[in-house]
Amino acid sequence: MKEFSVAIRTAKVGDYSVCLPLFTLLYHGDIGPNFRRTFEEYVTKKEGVILLAEQQHTLIGILVGSYHLDIDWEGRTARIDAVIVDEAYRMRGIARKLTQRYLALAKKRKCKAVKSRANTKNVIAQKLHESLGFSKVNTYEYIMDLHE
């Protein structure tokens, strides 16, 4: 893979409008009415972080991560909540660079593990996780929508 020049930085509140097109792509247009507030909470509070990948001041990728106290790990863990790379810039190592930066942040915060999910049909994401040293676990994720 040819080296691709990209800058990774932490998002600020003012980055919301620049990030919105990639979030809209990630969530297939399903951006809720409280999305801006949630974005701002990730950016301003210590429980989460949003990393931005830019090339020549153009946003090309986003990683959303959060931190949690985890009784199973007897301490803090990190979780990659979402990663999206602009379609025109995929397969250039952008998701890898975002993830590596997040792993470094998790280590700095003394997290004991980093959790992440990949869609069962997304083979590229699965291979990325494995190449970075993530282990596949045989669990199911269950969700209950409490808004209904």
N, C-alpha and C. Protein backbone atom coordinates (compact mmCIF):
# COMPACT_ATOMS: atom_id res chain seq x y z
N MET A 1 0.85 -1.17 0.00
CA MET A 1 0.00 0.00 0.00
C MET A 1 0.90 1.24 0.00
N LYS A 2 0.65 2.16 -0.91
CA LYS A 2 1.42 3.38 -1.00
C LYS A 2 1.09 4.29 0.17
N GLU A 3 2.14 4.91 0.75
CA GLU A 3 1.94 5.81 1.88
C GLU A 3 1.11 7.01 1.44
N PHE A 4 0.14 7.37 2.24
CA PHE A 4 -0.79 8.45 1.92
C PHE A 4 -0.69 9.49 3.03
N SER A 5 -0.41 10.73 2.68
CA SER A 5 -0.24 11.80 3.65
C SER A 5 -1.59 12.21 4.24
N VAL A 6 -1.70 12.08 5.54
CA VAL A 6 -2.94 12.43 6.22
C VAL A 6 -2.60 12.96 7.61
N ALA A 7 -3.33 13.97 8.04
CA ALA A 7 -3.18 14.52 9.39
C ALA A 7 -4.35 14.05 10.23
N ILE A 8 -4.05 13.60 11.44
CA ILE A 8 -5.09 13.16 12.38
C ILE A 8 -5.14 14.18 13.53
N ARG A 9 -6.33 14.64 13.84
CA ARG A 9 -6.48 15.58 14.95
C ARG A 9 -7.79 15.30 15.68
N THR A 10 -7.89 15.85 16.88
CA THR A 10 -9.10 15.74 17.68
C THR A 10 -10.11 16.79 17.23
N ALA A 11 -11.35 16.39 17.09
CA ALA A 11 -12.40 17.31 16.65
C ALA A 11 -12.70 18.35 17.72
N LYS A 12 -13.19 19.49 17.25
CA LYS A 12 -13.65 20.57 18.11
C LYS A 12 -15.14 20.80 17.84
N VAL A 13 -15.81 21.50 18.71
CA VAL A 13 -17.24 21.77 18.55
C VAL A 13 -17.52 22.39 17.18
N GLY A 14 -16.67 23.30 16.73
CA GLY A 14 -16.86 23.98 15.46
C GLY A 14 -16.72 23.10 14.23
N ASP A 15 -16.30 21.85 14.42
CA ASP A 15 -16.14 20.92 13.29
C ASP A 15 -17.44 20.22 12.90
N TYR A 16 -18.50 20.46 13.63
CA TYR A 16 -19.74 19.72 13.41
C TYR A 16 -20.20 19.76 11.96
N SER A 17 -20.31 20.93 11.37
CA SER A 17 -20.85 21.04 10.01
C SER A 17 -19.96 20.36 8.98
N VAL A 18 -18.66 20.37 9.22
CA VAL A 18 -17.73 19.70 8.29
C VAL A 18 -17.87 18.18 8.41
N CYS A 19 -18.16 17.70 9.61
CA CYS A 19 -18.29 16.26 9.85
C CYS A 19 -19.63 15.69 9.39
N LEU A 20 -20.65 16.51 9.36
CA LEU A 20 -22.00 16.04 9.10
C LEU A 20 -22.15 15.20 7.82
N PRO A 21 -21.53 15.58 6.68
CA PRO A 21 -21.69 14.74 5.49
C PRO A 21 -21.18 13.30 5.68
N LEU A 22 -20.05 13.12 6.36
CA LEU A 22 -19.55 11.76 6.59
C LEU A 22 -20.43 11.01 7.58
N PHE A 23 -20.92 11.69 8.61
CA PHE A 23 -21.84 11.03 9.54
C PHE A 23 -23.14 10.64 8.83
N THR A 24 -23.60 11.49 7.94
CA THR A 24 -24.82 11.18 7.18
C THR A 24 -24.59 9.94 6.32
N LEU A 25 -23.41 9.82 5.73
CA LEU A 25 -23.06 8.63 4.95
C LEU A 25 -22.99 7.40 5.86
N LEU A 26 -22.34 7.54 6.99
CA LEU A 26 -22.19 6.43 7.93
C LEU A 26 -23.53 5.90 8.40
N TYR A 27 -24.43 6.81 8.73
CA TYR A 27 -25.73 6.41 9.29
C TYR A 27 -26.84 6.39 8.24
N HIS A 28 -26.45 6.35 6.98
CA HIS A 28 -27.40 6.24 5.87
C HIS A 28 -28.50 7.29 5.95
N GLY A 29 -28.10 8.50 6.31
CA GLY A 29 -29.03 9.62 6.37
C GLY A 29 -29.86 9.69 7.63
N ASP A 30 -29.70 8.73 8.53
CA ASP A 30 -30.53 8.65 9.74
C ASP A 30 -29.87 9.41 10.89
N ILE A 31 -29.79 10.73 10.75
CA ILE A 31 -29.22 11.58 11.80
C ILE A 31 -30.38 12.11 12.62
N GLY A 32 -30.37 11.79 13.90
CA GLY A 32 -31.48 12.17 14.77
C GLY A 32 -31.44 13.63 15.19
N PRO A 33 -32.51 14.11 15.82
CA PRO A 33 -32.60 15.51 16.21
C PRO A 33 -31.61 15.92 17.30
N ASN A 34 -31.07 14.96 18.04
CA ASN A 34 -30.12 15.27 19.11
C ASN A 34 -28.67 14.99 18.71
N PHE A 35 -28.43 14.75 17.42
CA PHE A 35 -27.10 14.35 16.98
C PHE A 35 -26.06 15.44 17.26
N ARG A 36 -26.41 16.68 17.02
CA ARG A 36 -25.46 17.78 17.25
C ARG A 36 -25.05 17.83 18.73
N ARG A 37 -26.03 17.70 19.61
CA ARG A 37 -25.74 17.73 21.05
C ARG A 37 -24.82 16.57 21.44
N THR A 38 -25.10 15.39 20.88
CA THR A 38 -24.27 14.22 21.17
C THR A 38 -22.85 14.43 20.65
N PHE A 39 -22.72 14.96 19.44
CA PHE A 39 -21.40 15.29 18.88
C PHE A 39 -20.65 16.22 19.83
N GLU A 40 -21.31 17.25 20.28
CA GLU A 40 -20.67 18.23 21.17
C GLU A 40 -20.26 17.60 22.50
N GLU A 41 -21.06 16.67 23.01
CA GLU A 41 -20.70 15.99 24.25
C GLU A 41 -19.45 15.13 24.06
N TYR A 42 -19.37 14.43 22.93
CA TYR A 42 -18.17 13.63 22.64
C TYR A 42 -16.94 14.52 22.59
N VAL A 43 -17.09 15.69 22.01
CA VAL A 43 -15.96 16.59 21.80
C VAL A 43 -15.53 17.28 23.09
N THR A 44 -16.48 17.56 23.98
CA THR A 44 -16.15 18.38 25.15
C THR A 44 -15.97 17.59 26.45
N LYS A 45 -16.48 16.38 26.52
CA LYS A 45 -16.38 15.60 27.76
C LYS A 45 -15.28 14.54 27.64
N LYS A 46 -14.84 14.07 28.77
CA LYS A 46 -13.73 13.13 28.80
C LYS A 46 -14.12 11.68 28.54
N GLU A 47 -15.42 11.42 28.40
CA GLU A 47 -15.87 10.04 28.17
C GLU A 47 -15.76 9.62 26.72
N GLY A 48 -15.43 10.54 25.83
CA GLY A 48 -15.35 10.20 24.42
C GLY A 48 -14.41 11.10 23.66
N VAL A 49 -14.17 10.72 22.41
CA VAL A 49 -13.30 11.51 21.54
C VAL A 49 -13.74 11.27 20.09
N ILE A 50 -13.60 12.29 19.29
CA ILE A 50 -13.81 12.16 17.85
C ILE A 50 -12.51 12.57 17.18
N LEU A 51 -11.95 11.65 16.41
CA LEU A 51 -10.73 11.93 15.67
C LEU A 51 -11.06 12.19 14.21
N LEU A 52 -10.39 13.17 13.63
CA LEU A 52 -10.61 13.53 12.24
C LEU A 52 -9.34 13.27 11.43
N ALA A 53 -9.52 12.69 10.26
CA ALA A 53 -8.42 12.50 9.31
C ALA A 53 -8.61 13.53 8.21
N GLU A 54 -7.56 14.30 7.95
CA GLU A 54 -7.64 15.34 6.93
C GLU A 54 -6.46 15.23 5.97
N GLN A 55 -6.75 15.55 4.74
CA GLN A 55 -5.69 15.68 3.74
C GLN A 55 -5.84 17.07 3.15
N GLN A 56 -4.80 17.87 3.31
CA GLN A 56 -4.81 19.25 2.83
C GLN A 56 -6.07 19.99 3.29
N HIS A 57 -6.38 19.87 4.58
CA HIS A 57 -7.51 20.55 5.23
C HIS A 57 -8.88 20.08 4.73
N THR A 58 -8.93 18.93 4.08
CA THR A 58 -10.19 18.33 3.65
C THR A 58 -10.47 17.12 4.52
N LEU A 59 -11.64 17.07 5.15
CA LEU A 59 -12.00 15.94 6.00
C LEU A 59 -12.22 14.69 5.15
N ILE A 60 -11.49 13.62 5.48
CA ILE A 60 -11.62 12.39 4.71
C ILE A 60 -11.96 11.18 5.58
N GLY A 61 -11.94 11.34 6.90
CA GLY A 61 -12.27 10.21 7.76
C GLY A 61 -12.56 10.65 9.18
N ILE A 62 -13.35 9.82 9.87
CA ILE A 62 -13.73 10.10 11.26
C ILE A 62 -13.69 8.80 12.06
N LEU A 63 -13.20 8.88 13.29
CA LEU A 63 -13.31 7.79 14.25
C LEU A 63 -13.97 8.36 15.50
N VAL A 64 -14.98 7.66 15.99
CA VAL A 64 -15.66 8.04 17.23
C VAL A 64 -15.32 6.96 18.26
N GLY A 65 -14.77 7.39 19.38
CA GLY A 65 -14.40 6.45 20.43
C GLY A 65 -14.92 6.90 21.78
N SER A 66 -15.09 5.95 22.68
CA SER A 66 -15.56 6.29 24.02
C SER A 66 -14.82 5.43 25.05
N TYR A 67 -14.91 5.88 26.31
CA TYR A 67 -14.23 5.23 27.42
C TYR A 67 -15.26 4.83 28.47
N HIS A 68 -15.05 3.66 29.07
CA HIS A 68 -16.04 3.12 30.00
C HIS A 68 -15.34 2.40 31.15
N LEU A 69 -15.96 2.42 32.30
CA LEU A 69 -15.52 1.58 33.40
C LEU A 69 -16.11 0.20 33.14
N ASP A 70 -15.29 -0.83 33.18
CA ASP A 70 -15.73 -2.18 32.81
C ASP A 70 -15.37 -3.14 33.94
N ILE A 71 -16.39 -3.70 34.57
CA ILE A 71 -16.15 -4.58 35.71
C ILE A 71 -15.42 -5.86 35.29
N ASP A 72 -15.70 -6.37 34.09
CA ASP A 72 -15.02 -7.58 33.62
C ASP A 72 -13.52 -7.37 33.49
N TRP A 73 -13.12 -6.18 33.06
CA TRP A 73 -11.70 -5.86 32.88
C TRP A 73 -11.10 -5.20 34.13
N GLU A 74 -11.94 -5.00 35.14
CA GLU A 74 -11.51 -4.39 36.40
C GLU A 74 -10.81 -3.05 36.18
N GLY A 75 -11.45 -2.24 35.36
CA GLY A 75 -10.89 -0.91 35.10
C GLY A 75 -11.51 -0.30 33.85
N ARG A 76 -10.85 0.68 33.33
CA ARG A 76 -11.33 1.43 32.17
C ARG A 76 -11.03 0.66 30.88
N THR A 77 -12.02 0.66 29.98
CA THR A 77 -11.82 0.14 28.63
C THR A 77 -12.20 1.23 27.64
N ALA A 78 -11.74 1.05 26.42
CA ALA A 78 -12.08 1.97 25.34
C ALA A 78 -12.92 1.21 24.33
N ARG A 79 -13.71 1.95 23.57
CA ARG A 79 -14.52 1.32 22.54
C ARG A 79 -14.51 2.21 21.29
N ILE A 80 -14.31 1.57 20.16
CA ILE A 80 -14.45 2.27 18.89
C ILE A 80 -15.92 2.17 18.52
N ASP A 81 -16.59 3.31 18.53
CA ASP A 81 -18.02 3.34 18.26
C ASP A 81 -18.32 3.42 16.77
N ALA A 82 -17.47 4.09 16.02
CA ALA A 82 -17.72 4.25 14.58
C ALA A 82 -16.44 4.69 13.87
N VAL A 83 -16.29 4.22 12.65
CA VAL A 83 -15.22 4.68 11.77
C VAL A 83 -15.82 4.84 10.38
N ILE A 84 -15.55 5.96 9.76
CA ILE A 84 -16.01 6.19 8.39
C ILE A 84 -14.91 6.92 7.63
N VAL A 85 -14.68 6.46 6.40
CA VAL A 85 -13.72 7.11 5.51
C VAL A 85 -14.47 7.46 4.23
N ASP A 86 -14.26 8.67 3.74
CA ASP A 86 -14.86 9.11 2.48
C ASP A 86 -14.57 8.07 1.41
N GLU A 87 -15.58 7.73 0.63
CA GLU A 87 -15.44 6.67 -0.38
C GLU A 87 -14.28 6.90 -1.33
N ALA A 88 -13.98 8.14 -1.67
CA ALA A 88 -12.90 8.45 -2.61
C ALA A 88 -11.51 8.19 -2.02
N TYR A 89 -11.43 8.01 -0.68
CA TYR A 89 -10.14 7.84 -0.02
C TYR A 89 -9.98 6.47 0.65
N ARG A 90 -10.88 5.55 0.38
CA ARG A 90 -10.79 4.23 1.01
C ARG A 90 -9.64 3.41 0.44
N MET A 91 -9.21 2.44 1.21
CA MET A 91 -8.12 1.52 0.84
C MET A 91 -6.77 2.24 0.75
N ARG A 92 -6.62 3.30 1.53
CA ARG A 92 -5.36 4.06 1.57
C ARG A 92 -4.77 4.12 2.98
N GLY A 93 -5.32 3.31 3.89
CA GLY A 93 -4.79 3.25 5.24
C GLY A 93 -5.33 4.30 6.19
N ILE A 94 -6.39 5.01 5.79
CA ILE A 94 -6.93 6.07 6.64
C ILE A 94 -7.56 5.49 7.91
N ALA A 95 -8.39 4.46 7.78
CA ALA A 95 -9.01 3.84 8.95
C ALA A 95 -7.94 3.26 9.88
N ARG A 96 -6.89 2.71 9.31
CA ARG A 96 -5.78 2.18 10.10
C ARG A 96 -5.12 3.29 10.92
N LYS A 97 -4.86 4.42 10.28
CA LYS A 97 -4.20 5.54 10.98
C LYS A 97 -5.10 6.10 12.08
N LEU A 98 -6.39 6.24 11.80
CA LEU A 98 -7.32 6.70 12.83
C LEU A 98 -7.34 5.73 14.01
N THR A 99 -7.41 4.44 13.72
CA THR A 99 -7.47 3.43 14.77
C THR A 99 -6.17 3.40 15.57
N GLN A 100 -5.05 3.49 14.90
CA GLN A 100 -3.77 3.50 15.62
C GLN A 100 -3.65 4.70 16.56
N ARG A 101 -4.13 5.85 16.12
CA ARG A 101 -4.11 7.03 16.99
C ARG A 101 -5.01 6.80 18.20
N TYR A 102 -6.19 6.21 17.96
CA TYR A 102 -7.10 5.95 19.07
C TYR A 102 -6.50 4.93 20.05
N LEU A 103 -5.84 3.91 19.54
CA LEU A 103 -5.20 2.94 20.41
C LEU A 103 -4.15 3.61 21.29
N ALA A 104 -3.40 4.55 20.72
CA ALA A 104 -2.40 5.29 21.49
C ALA A 104 -3.07 6.12 22.59
N LEU A 105 -4.21 6.75 22.26
CA LEU A 105 -4.95 7.52 23.26
C LEU A 105 -5.47 6.61 24.37
N ALA A 106 -5.96 5.43 24.00
CA ALA A 106 -6.47 4.48 25.00
C ALA A 106 -5.35 4.03 25.94
N LYS A 107 -4.18 3.78 25.40
CA LYS A 107 -3.04 3.40 26.24
C LYS A 107 -2.66 4.53 27.18
N LYS A 108 -2.67 5.74 26.66
CA LYS A 108 -2.34 6.91 27.47
C LYS A 108 -3.32 7.09 28.62
N ARG A 109 -4.58 6.73 28.38
CA ARG A 109 -5.62 6.82 29.41
C ARG A 109 -5.63 5.59 30.31
N LYS A 110 -4.67 4.70 30.10
CA LYS A 110 -4.51 3.48 30.90
C LYS A 110 -5.69 2.52 30.77
N CYS A 111 -6.28 2.47 29.58
CA CYS A 111 -7.35 1.51 29.32
C CYS A 111 -6.76 0.10 29.28
N LYS A 112 -7.52 -0.85 29.77
CA LYS A 112 -7.05 -2.23 29.81
C LYS A 112 -7.38 -3.00 28.54
N ALA A 113 -8.30 -2.49 27.74
CA ALA A 113 -8.67 -3.16 26.49
C ALA A 113 -9.37 -2.14 25.60
N VAL A 114 -9.41 -2.46 24.32
CA VAL A 114 -10.18 -1.67 23.36
C VAL A 114 -11.14 -2.63 22.67
N LYS A 115 -12.41 -2.26 22.69
CA LYS A 115 -13.44 -3.06 22.05
C LYS A 115 -13.86 -2.38 20.75
N SER A 116 -14.23 -3.19 19.78
CA SER A 116 -14.68 -2.65 18.51
C SER A 116 -15.60 -3.66 17.85
N ARG A 117 -16.45 -3.19 16.95
CA ARG A 117 -17.35 -4.07 16.23
C ARG A 117 -17.11 -3.91 14.74
N ALA A 118 -17.40 -4.95 14.02
CA ALA A 118 -17.39 -4.90 12.55
C ALA A 118 -18.59 -5.68 12.06
N ASN A 119 -19.27 -5.13 11.09
CA ASN A 119 -20.42 -5.81 10.51
C ASN A 119 -19.96 -7.17 9.96
N THR A 120 -20.79 -8.18 10.13
CA THR A 120 -20.41 -9.53 9.68
C THR A 120 -20.18 -9.60 8.18
N LYS A 121 -20.73 -8.65 7.43
CA LYS A 121 -20.55 -8.63 5.98
C LYS A 121 -19.37 -7.76 5.55
N ASN A 122 -18.79 -7.00 6.47
CA ASN A 122 -17.70 -6.09 6.13
C ASN A 122 -16.35 -6.78 6.32
N VAL A 123 -15.96 -7.53 5.33
CA VAL A 123 -14.72 -8.31 5.39
C VAL A 123 -13.50 -7.40 5.51
N ILE A 124 -13.52 -6.26 4.86
CA ILE A 124 -12.38 -5.33 4.92
C ILE A 124 -12.17 -4.85 6.35
N ALA A 125 -13.25 -4.49 7.04
CA ALA A 125 -13.13 -4.04 8.43
C ALA A 125 -12.64 -5.18 9.33
N GLN A 126 -13.11 -6.39 9.07
CA GLN A 126 -12.66 -7.54 9.86
C GLN A 126 -11.16 -7.75 9.69
N LYS A 127 -10.69 -7.68 8.45
CA LYS A 127 -9.26 -7.86 8.19
C LYS A 127 -8.43 -6.76 8.83
N LEU A 128 -8.94 -5.52 8.80
CA LEU A 128 -8.23 -4.41 9.45
C LEU A 128 -8.08 -4.69 10.94
N HIS A 129 -9.17 -5.07 11.60
CA HIS A 129 -9.11 -5.37 13.03
C HIS A 129 -8.07 -6.46 13.33
N GLU A 130 -8.13 -7.52 12.57
CA GLU A 130 -7.21 -8.64 12.81
C GLU A 130 -5.76 -8.21 12.56
N SER A 131 -5.52 -7.40 11.53
CA SER A 131 -4.15 -6.97 11.23
C SER A 131 -3.59 -6.04 12.31
N LEU A 132 -4.48 -5.38 13.05
CA LEU A 132 -4.04 -4.50 14.13
C LEU A 132 -3.90 -5.24 15.46
N GLY A 133 -4.25 -6.51 15.49
CA GLY A 133 -4.09 -7.31 16.71
C GLY A 133 -5.35 -7.53 17.51
N PHE A 134 -6.49 -7.09 17.00
CA PHE A 134 -7.76 -7.38 17.69
C PHE A 134 -8.06 -8.87 17.57
N SER A 135 -8.69 -9.42 18.59
CA SER A 135 -9.12 -10.81 18.57
C SER A 135 -10.63 -10.86 18.39
N LYS A 136 -11.08 -11.78 17.58
CA LYS A 136 -12.51 -11.97 17.38
C LYS A 136 -13.07 -12.71 18.59
N VAL A 137 -14.19 -12.21 19.10
CA VAL A 137 -14.85 -12.87 20.23
C VAL A 137 -16.21 -13.39 19.75
N ASN A 138 -16.61 -14.47 20.31
CA ASN A 138 -17.86 -15.09 19.89
C ASN A 138 -18.99 -14.68 20.83
N THR A 139 -19.43 -13.45 20.65
CA THR A 139 -20.56 -12.95 21.42
C THR A 139 -21.57 -12.33 20.47
N TYR A 140 -22.75 -12.15 20.94
CA TYR A 140 -23.79 -11.47 20.18
C TYR A 140 -24.05 -10.14 20.85
N GLU A 141 -24.38 -9.17 20.06
CA GLU A 141 -24.77 -7.89 20.61
C GLU A 141 -26.28 -7.79 20.59
N TYR A 142 -26.85 -7.43 21.71
CA TYR A 142 -28.29 -7.26 21.81
C TYR A 142 -28.58 -5.78 22.10
N ILE A 143 -29.64 -5.28 21.53
CA ILE A 143 -30.01 -3.88 21.72
C ILE A 143 -31.49 -3.80 22.04
N MET A 144 -31.83 -2.96 23.01
CA MET A 144 -33.24 -2.66 23.31
C MET A 144 -33.41 -1.15 23.18
N ASP A 145 -34.28 -0.73 22.31
CA ASP A 145 -34.57 0.68 22.12
C ASP A 145 -35.49 1.13 23.23
N LEU A 146 -35.02 2.05 24.07
CA LEU A 146 -35.81 2.51 25.21
C LEU A 146 -36.68 3.71 24.89
N HIS A 147 -36.66 4.13 23.65
CA HIS A 147 -37.47 5.29 23.25
C HIS A 147 -38.87 4.91 22.81
N GLU A 148 -39.17 3.65 22.73
CA GLU A 148 -40.49 3.22 22.26
C GLU A 148 -41.46 3.02 23.38
